[in-house]
Amino acid sequence: EIPMIFVGNKTDLNDRRVVNKEDVAEWVFCDLPKLRTKVMECSSKNDINVREVFKAFLQLAKIPMPNDDCGLRRRSSAHSSVPRTRPNTLSPHTAANAPEPPMSPSSSLGQRLKPRSRSLIRRTSKKVNKVKDPNAEPDDCFIS
């Protein structure tokens, strides 16, 4: 049992329609009644039903769908060990009386909410500074 989806595209060009959706649906459901099929229309130009075509395929193939609300997520390549705190968890009264945290040299440039990724750390740590000859021309090559 192979799932099949019959998709009519370019629904934004209804005036140039050659085959009616009803004709296709009648053919599919009369001639192929025992198969897992679906008839849809889409328009990539107007972004109509494009994602729904793929979701319908997942449904027909009985593949569990991921959550719709997650969308595309970025993944951090470095695992954070910095505890996350909310800055406004204190009430206004206790926030006014709370002492200011000491500023370290690393936090003087602004606190980073996320740590640097490991790939960036690797790239910067392996860079070697080039020794420049003060008498060299701008087009000369440097040996590092």
N, C-alpha and C. Protein backbone atom coordinates (compact mmCIF):
# COMPACT_ATOMS: atom_id res chain seq x y z
N GLU A 1 0.84 -1.18 0.00
CA GLU A 1 0.00 0.00 0.00
C GLU A 1 0.87 1.23 0.00
N ILE A 2 0.99 1.86 -1.11
CA ILE A 2 1.78 3.07 -1.24
C ILE A 2 0.83 4.26 -1.21
N PRO A 3 1.07 5.22 -0.31
CA PRO A 3 0.20 6.40 -0.29
C PRO A 3 0.43 7.25 -1.53
N MET A 4 -0.67 7.75 -2.08
CA MET A 4 -0.57 8.60 -3.28
C MET A 4 -1.37 9.87 -3.06
N ILE A 5 -0.78 10.97 -3.47
CA ILE A 5 -1.47 12.26 -3.41
C ILE A 5 -1.46 12.83 -4.82
N PHE A 6 -2.63 13.13 -5.31
CA PHE A 6 -2.77 13.77 -6.62
C PHE A 6 -2.90 15.27 -6.35
N VAL A 7 -1.89 16.01 -6.80
CA VAL A 7 -1.84 17.44 -6.49
C VAL A 7 -1.93 18.23 -7.78
N GLY A 8 -2.92 19.09 -7.83
CA GLY A 8 -3.01 20.06 -8.92
C GLY A 8 -2.31 21.32 -8.48
N ASN A 9 -1.37 21.78 -9.30
CA ASN A 9 -0.64 22.98 -8.91
C ASN A 9 -1.12 24.19 -9.71
N LYS A 10 -0.60 25.34 -9.40
CA LYS A 10 -0.92 26.60 -10.06
C LYS A 10 -2.40 26.95 -9.89
N THR A 11 -2.91 26.83 -8.68
CA THR A 11 -4.30 27.21 -8.44
C THR A 11 -4.50 28.71 -8.56
N ASP A 12 -3.42 29.46 -8.62
CA ASP A 12 -3.54 30.90 -8.82
C ASP A 12 -3.92 31.22 -10.27
N LEU A 13 -3.86 30.24 -11.16
CA LEU A 13 -4.23 30.44 -12.57
C LEU A 13 -5.52 29.69 -12.89
N ASN A 14 -6.60 30.00 -12.17
CA ASN A 14 -7.87 29.31 -12.36
C ASN A 14 -8.44 29.50 -13.76
N ASP A 15 -8.17 30.62 -14.39
CA ASP A 15 -8.72 30.87 -15.73
C ASP A 15 -8.08 29.97 -16.79
N ARG A 16 -6.95 29.36 -16.49
CA ARG A 16 -6.27 28.47 -17.45
C ARG A 16 -6.44 27.00 -17.08
N ARG A 17 -7.38 26.70 -16.20
CA ARG A 17 -7.60 25.33 -15.71
C ARG A 17 -7.99 24.41 -16.86
N VAL A 18 -7.36 23.24 -16.91
CA VAL A 18 -7.65 22.24 -17.94
C VAL A 18 -8.46 21.09 -17.35
N VAL A 19 -8.12 20.67 -16.13
CA VAL A 19 -8.79 19.54 -15.48
C VAL A 19 -9.44 20.04 -14.19
N ASN A 20 -10.71 19.72 -14.00
CA ASN A 20 -11.40 20.11 -12.78
C ASN A 20 -11.01 19.19 -11.63
N LYS A 21 -10.96 19.75 -10.44
CA LYS A 21 -10.62 18.97 -9.25
C LYS A 21 -11.66 17.88 -9.01
N GLU A 22 -12.91 18.18 -9.28
CA GLU A 22 -13.99 17.21 -9.07
C GLU A 22 -13.81 15.98 -9.97
N ASP A 23 -13.37 16.20 -11.22
CA ASP A 23 -13.14 15.09 -12.14
C ASP A 23 -12.03 14.17 -11.62
N VAL A 24 -10.97 14.78 -11.13
CA VAL A 24 -9.85 13.99 -10.59
C VAL A 24 -10.30 13.23 -9.35
N ALA A 25 -11.02 13.91 -8.46
CA ALA A 25 -11.48 13.26 -7.24
C ALA A 25 -12.40 12.08 -7.55
N GLU A 26 -13.29 12.26 -8.52
CA GLU A 26 -14.20 11.17 -8.91
C GLU A 26 -13.42 9.99 -9.46
N TRP A 27 -12.44 10.26 -10.33
CA TRP A 27 -11.63 9.19 -10.91
C TRP A 27 -10.86 8.44 -9.82
N VAL A 28 -10.24 9.20 -8.91
CA VAL A 28 -9.43 8.58 -7.86
C VAL A 28 -10.28 7.71 -6.96
N PHE A 29 -11.39 8.24 -6.50
CA PHE A 29 -12.18 7.51 -5.51
C PHE A 29 -13.03 6.40 -6.13
N CYS A 30 -13.30 6.47 -7.43
CA CYS A 30 -14.05 5.38 -8.09
C CYS A 30 -13.12 4.28 -8.58
N ASP A 31 -12.00 4.66 -9.19
CA ASP A 31 -11.10 3.67 -9.77
C ASP A 31 -10.06 3.13 -8.78
N LEU A 32 -9.75 3.90 -7.77
CA LEU A 32 -8.73 3.48 -6.79
C LEU A 32 -9.30 3.56 -5.37
N PRO A 33 -10.44 2.90 -5.10
CA PRO A 33 -11.09 3.10 -3.80
C PRO A 33 -10.34 2.48 -2.62
N LYS A 34 -9.57 1.45 -2.84
CA LYS A 34 -8.94 0.74 -1.73
C LYS A 34 -7.54 1.26 -1.40
N LEU A 35 -7.05 2.19 -2.18
CA LEU A 35 -5.71 2.71 -1.94
C LEU A 35 -5.78 3.95 -1.05
N ARG A 36 -4.68 4.20 -0.38
CA ARG A 36 -4.59 5.42 0.44
C ARG A 36 -4.25 6.58 -0.49
N THR A 37 -5.26 7.36 -0.84
CA THR A 37 -5.08 8.46 -1.79
C THR A 37 -5.71 9.72 -1.24
N LYS A 38 -5.29 10.83 -1.81
CA LYS A 38 -5.86 12.12 -1.47
C LYS A 38 -5.70 13.03 -2.68
N VAL A 39 -6.66 13.92 -2.87
CA VAL A 39 -6.62 14.89 -3.97
C VAL A 39 -6.53 16.27 -3.36
N MET A 40 -5.54 17.05 -3.82
CA MET A 40 -5.34 18.40 -3.28
C MET A 40 -4.97 19.34 -4.40
N GLU A 41 -5.04 20.63 -4.10
CA GLU A 41 -4.55 21.66 -5.01
C GLU A 41 -3.64 22.58 -4.23
N CYS A 42 -2.66 23.16 -4.93
CA CYS A 42 -1.74 24.07 -4.26
C CYS A 42 -1.28 25.15 -5.23
N SER A 43 -0.67 26.16 -4.66
CA SER A 43 -0.05 27.23 -5.44
C SER A 43 1.22 27.65 -4.73
N SER A 44 2.35 27.39 -5.34
CA SER A 44 3.60 27.79 -4.71
C SER A 44 3.82 29.29 -4.83
N LYS A 45 3.24 29.90 -5.85
CA LYS A 45 3.39 31.34 -6.03
C LYS A 45 2.74 32.09 -4.87
N ASN A 46 1.53 31.66 -4.48
CA ASN A 46 0.81 32.32 -3.40
C ASN A 46 0.96 31.60 -2.06
N ASP A 47 1.80 30.56 -2.03
CA ASP A 47 2.05 29.77 -0.83
C ASP A 47 0.75 29.23 -0.23
N ILE A 48 -0.03 28.57 -1.08
CA ILE A 48 -1.30 27.98 -0.66
C ILE A 48 -1.15 26.46 -0.69
N ASN A 49 -1.38 25.83 0.44
CA ASN A 49 -1.40 24.37 0.60
C ASN A 49 -0.07 23.67 0.29
N VAL A 50 1.02 24.37 0.22
CA VAL A 50 2.30 23.72 -0.09
C VAL A 50 2.72 22.83 1.08
N ARG A 51 2.72 23.37 2.27
CA ARG A 51 3.08 22.57 3.45
C ARG A 51 2.03 21.49 3.70
N GLU A 52 0.78 21.80 3.43
CA GLU A 52 -0.29 20.84 3.68
C GLU A 52 -0.15 19.60 2.81
N VAL A 53 0.43 19.74 1.61
CA VAL A 53 0.66 18.58 0.75
C VAL A 53 1.61 17.61 1.45
N PHE A 54 2.68 18.13 2.01
CA PHE A 54 3.65 17.28 2.69
C PHE A 54 3.07 16.70 3.98
N LYS A 55 2.28 17.50 4.69
CA LYS A 55 1.64 16.99 5.90
C LYS A 55 0.65 15.87 5.56
N ALA A 56 -0.07 16.03 4.46
CA ALA A 56 -1.02 14.99 4.04
C ALA A 56 -0.27 13.71 3.69
N PHE A 57 0.88 13.83 3.07
CA PHE A 57 1.68 12.64 2.76
C PHE A 57 2.10 11.93 4.04
N LEU A 58 2.53 12.70 5.04
CA LEU A 58 2.92 12.09 6.31
C LEU A 58 1.74 11.38 6.95
N GLN A 59 0.55 11.98 6.85
CA GLN A 59 -0.64 11.33 7.41
C GLN A 59 -0.95 10.03 6.68
N LEU A 60 -0.93 10.06 5.35
CA LEU A 60 -1.24 8.86 4.59
C LEU A 60 -0.20 7.77 4.80
N ALA A 61 1.05 8.17 4.98
CA ALA A 61 2.13 7.20 5.19
C ALA A 61 2.20 6.74 6.64
N LYS A 62 1.35 7.31 7.47
CA LYS A 62 1.29 6.99 8.90
C LYS A 62 2.62 7.26 9.59
N ILE A 63 3.24 8.36 9.20
CA ILE A 63 4.48 8.81 9.82
C ILE A 63 4.10 9.88 10.84
N PRO A 64 4.53 9.76 12.08
CA PRO A 64 4.15 10.77 13.08
C PRO A 64 4.72 12.13 12.71
N MET A 65 3.87 13.14 12.82
CA MET A 65 4.28 14.49 12.47
C MET A 65 4.89 15.18 13.69
N PRO A 66 5.92 16.01 13.46
CA PRO A 66 6.46 16.80 14.57
C PRO A 66 5.45 17.89 14.95
N ASN A 67 5.67 18.51 16.10
CA ASN A 67 4.77 19.57 16.54
C ASN A 67 4.78 20.72 15.55
N ASP A 68 3.61 21.29 15.30
CA ASP A 68 3.51 22.41 14.37
C ASP A 68 4.12 23.67 14.94
N ASP A 69 4.07 23.82 16.26
CA ASP A 69 4.54 25.06 16.85
C ASP A 69 6.05 25.17 16.90
N CYS A 70 6.77 24.07 16.70
CA CYS A 70 8.23 24.13 16.83
C CYS A 70 8.88 24.78 15.61
N GLY A 71 8.38 24.54 14.41
CA GLY A 71 8.97 25.13 13.21
C GLY A 71 10.42 24.76 13.06
N LEU A 72 11.20 25.64 12.54
CA LEU A 72 12.64 25.41 12.41
C LEU A 72 13.33 25.98 13.64
N ARG A 73 14.11 25.14 14.30
CA ARG A 73 14.79 25.58 15.50
C ARG A 73 16.29 25.56 15.27
N ARG A 74 16.94 26.53 15.85
CA ARG A 74 18.39 26.54 15.82
C ARG A 74 18.89 25.71 16.99
N ARG A 75 19.95 25.02 16.77
CA ARG A 75 20.55 24.22 17.83
C ARG A 75 21.88 24.83 18.21
N SER A 76 22.14 24.90 19.47
CA SER A 76 23.41 25.42 19.94
C SER A 76 24.44 24.30 19.90
N SER A 77 25.62 24.62 19.42
CA SER A 77 26.65 23.60 19.35
C SER A 77 27.41 23.46 20.67
N ALA A 78 27.21 24.41 21.57
CA ALA A 78 27.87 24.34 22.87
C ALA A 78 26.80 24.17 23.94
N HIS A 79 27.08 23.30 24.88
CA HIS A 79 26.14 23.10 25.98
C HIS A 79 26.38 24.18 27.02
N SER A 80 25.35 24.86 27.37
CA SER A 80 25.47 25.97 28.30
C SER A 80 25.50 25.47 29.73
N SER A 81 26.45 25.99 30.50
CA SER A 81 26.49 25.68 31.92
C SER A 81 26.11 26.90 32.73
N VAL A 82 25.78 28.00 32.06
CA VAL A 82 25.41 29.24 32.72
C VAL A 82 23.95 29.12 33.15
N PRO A 83 23.65 29.32 34.42
CA PRO A 83 22.24 29.23 34.84
C PRO A 83 21.45 30.40 34.27
N ARG A 84 20.27 30.09 33.83
CA ARG A 84 19.42 31.14 33.27
C ARG A 84 18.54 31.69 34.38
N THR A 85 18.58 33.00 34.56
CA THR A 85 17.74 33.64 35.56
C THR A 85 16.95 34.73 34.89
N ARG A 86 15.81 34.98 35.45
CA ARG A 86 14.98 36.06 34.92
C ARG A 86 15.34 37.34 35.66
N PRO A 87 15.57 38.43 34.94
CA PRO A 87 15.99 39.65 35.62
C PRO A 87 14.86 40.29 36.43
N ASN A 88 13.62 40.06 36.11
CA ASN A 88 12.50 40.72 36.79
C ASN A 88 11.79 39.79 37.76
N THR A 89 12.50 38.84 38.37
CA THR A 89 11.84 37.93 39.30
C THR A 89 11.68 38.56 40.67
N LEU A 90 12.45 39.60 40.97
CA LEU A 90 12.33 40.27 42.25
C LEU A 90 11.19 41.27 42.19
N SER A 91 10.57 41.48 43.33
CA SER A 91 9.52 42.50 43.38
C SER A 91 10.20 43.87 43.33
N PRO A 92 9.47 44.93 42.98
CA PRO A 92 10.10 46.25 42.90
C PRO A 92 10.73 46.68 44.22
N HIS A 93 10.12 46.28 45.34
CA HIS A 93 10.66 46.67 46.64
C HIS A 93 11.99 45.97 46.92
N THR A 94 12.05 44.66 46.68
CA THR A 94 13.29 43.93 46.96
C THR A 94 14.35 44.21 45.91
N ALA A 95 13.94 44.56 44.71
CA ALA A 95 14.91 44.88 43.67
C ALA A 95 15.64 46.17 43.98
N ALA A 96 14.96 47.12 44.62
CA ALA A 96 15.59 48.39 44.96
C ALA A 96 16.61 48.21 46.07
N ASN A 97 16.35 47.28 47.00
CA ASN A 97 17.26 47.06 48.12
C ASN A 97 18.33 46.03 47.82
N ALA A 98 18.24 45.33 46.72
CA ALA A 98 19.20 44.28 46.40
C ALA A 98 20.53 44.89 45.99
N PRO A 99 21.65 44.32 46.46
CA PRO A 99 22.95 44.86 46.06
C PRO A 99 23.24 44.52 44.61
N GLU A 100 24.01 45.39 43.99
CA GLU A 100 24.40 45.19 42.60
C GLU A 100 25.45 44.08 42.55
N PRO A 101 25.38 43.18 41.58
CA PRO A 101 26.41 42.14 41.47
C PRO A 101 27.74 42.75 41.05
N PRO A 102 28.85 42.21 41.56
CA PRO A 102 30.16 42.75 41.17
C PRO A 102 30.41 42.50 39.68
N MET A 103 31.04 43.50 39.06
CA MET A 103 31.31 43.41 37.62
C MET A 103 32.70 42.82 37.43
N SER A 104 32.79 41.73 36.72
CA SER A 104 34.07 41.13 36.40
C SER A 104 34.52 41.69 35.06
N PRO A 105 35.80 41.52 34.69
CA PRO A 105 36.26 42.05 33.40
C PRO A 105 35.50 41.46 32.22
N SER A 106 35.09 40.21 32.33
CA SER A 106 34.39 39.61 31.19
C SER A 106 32.98 40.16 31.07
N SER A 107 32.38 40.55 32.20
CA SER A 107 31.01 41.06 32.12
C SER A 107 30.98 42.55 31.86
N SER A 108 32.13 43.23 31.91
CA SER A 108 32.13 44.66 31.66
C SER A 108 31.78 44.96 30.21
N LEU A 109 32.00 44.02 29.31
CA LEU A 109 31.62 44.22 27.91
C LEU A 109 30.16 43.89 27.68
N GLY A 110 29.46 43.55 28.71
CA GLY A 110 28.05 43.17 28.57
C GLY A 110 27.92 41.68 28.78
N GLN A 111 26.91 41.30 29.52
CA GLN A 111 26.75 39.88 29.78
C GLN A 111 26.25 39.19 28.54
N ARG A 112 26.84 38.05 28.26
CA ARG A 112 26.39 37.24 27.13
C ARG A 112 25.29 36.33 27.62
N LEU A 113 24.20 36.29 26.88
CA LEU A 113 23.12 35.41 27.27
C LEU A 113 23.42 33.97 26.88
N LYS A 114 24.17 33.78 25.82
CA LYS A 114 24.51 32.44 25.38
C LYS A 114 26.03 32.35 25.25
N PRO A 115 26.59 31.21 25.56
CA PRO A 115 28.04 31.06 25.41
C PRO A 115 28.42 30.96 23.94
N ARG A 116 29.68 31.22 23.66
CA ARG A 116 30.14 31.10 22.28
C ARG A 116 30.10 29.64 21.87
N SER A 117 29.81 29.42 20.61
CA SER A 117 29.77 28.04 20.15
C SER A 117 31.18 27.48 20.10
N ARG A 118 31.27 26.18 20.22
CA ARG A 118 32.58 25.53 20.24
C ARG A 118 33.33 25.72 18.93
N SER A 119 32.59 25.77 17.84
CA SER A 119 33.27 25.93 16.55
C SER A 119 33.95 27.29 16.47
N LEU A 120 33.31 28.33 17.02
CA LEU A 120 33.94 29.64 17.02
C LEU A 120 35.14 29.67 17.96
N ILE A 121 35.03 29.00 19.07
CA ILE A 121 36.15 28.95 20.01
C ILE A 121 37.33 28.25 19.36
N ARG A 122 37.07 27.15 18.65
CA ARG A 122 38.15 26.43 17.97
C ARG A 122 38.80 27.30 16.91
N ARG A 123 37.99 27.98 16.12
CA ARG A 123 38.56 28.79 15.04
C ARG A 123 39.45 29.88 15.57
N THR A 124 39.03 30.57 16.62
CA THR A 124 39.81 31.70 17.11
C THR A 124 41.03 31.24 17.89
N SER A 125 40.96 30.08 18.54
CA SER A 125 42.10 29.65 19.34
C SER A 125 43.23 29.12 18.47
N LYS A 126 42.95 28.66 17.27
CA LYS A 126 43.99 28.09 16.42
C LYS A 126 44.59 29.10 15.45
N LYS A 127 44.07 30.31 15.47
CA LYS A 127 44.61 31.31 14.56
C LYS A 127 45.99 31.75 15.05
N VAL A 128 46.88 31.93 14.12
CA VAL A 128 48.24 32.36 14.44
C VAL A 128 48.41 33.76 13.86
N ASN A 129 48.90 34.65 14.69
CA ASN A 129 49.13 36.00 14.20
C ASN A 129 50.29 36.01 13.21
N LYS A 130 50.08 36.70 12.12
CA LYS A 130 51.12 36.79 11.10
C LYS A 130 52.14 37.85 11.50
N VAL A 131 53.40 37.52 11.31
CA VAL A 131 54.46 38.46 11.60
C VAL A 131 54.66 39.32 10.36
N LYS A 132 54.47 40.61 10.52
CA LYS A 132 54.57 41.51 9.37
C LYS A 132 55.92 42.22 9.39
N ASP A 133 56.52 42.25 8.23
CA ASP A 133 57.78 42.94 8.05
C ASP A 133 57.47 44.41 7.78
N PRO A 134 58.03 45.34 8.55
CA PRO A 134 57.72 46.76 8.32
C PRO A 134 58.20 47.26 6.96
N ASN A 135 59.19 46.59 6.35
CA ASN A 135 59.71 47.00 5.05
C ASN A 135 59.00 46.33 3.89
N ALA A 136 58.02 45.50 4.15
CA ALA A 136 57.35 44.73 3.09
C ALA A 136 56.38 45.61 2.31
N GLU A 137 56.21 45.23 1.06
CA GLU A 137 55.24 45.90 0.19
C GLU A 137 53.84 45.37 0.50
N PRO A 138 52.79 46.10 0.13
CA PRO A 138 51.42 45.63 0.41
C PRO A 138 51.07 44.33 -0.31
N ASP A 139 51.68 44.04 -1.46
CA ASP A 139 51.35 42.84 -2.21
C ASP A 139 52.22 41.63 -1.84
N ASP A 140 53.15 41.79 -0.89
CA ASP A 140 54.03 40.69 -0.51
C ASP A 140 53.28 39.63 0.29
N CYS A 141 53.77 38.40 0.19
CA CYS A 141 53.20 37.29 0.95
C CYS A 141 53.85 37.24 2.32
N PHE A 142 53.09 36.78 3.30
CA PHE A 142 53.62 36.65 4.66
C PHE A 142 53.66 35.18 5.03
N ILE A 143 54.69 34.81 5.77
CA ILE A 143 54.82 33.44 6.26
C ILE A 143 54.42 33.44 7.72
N SER A 144 53.51 32.54 8.05
CA SER A 144 53.06 32.50 9.45
C SER A 144 53.65 31.32 10.16
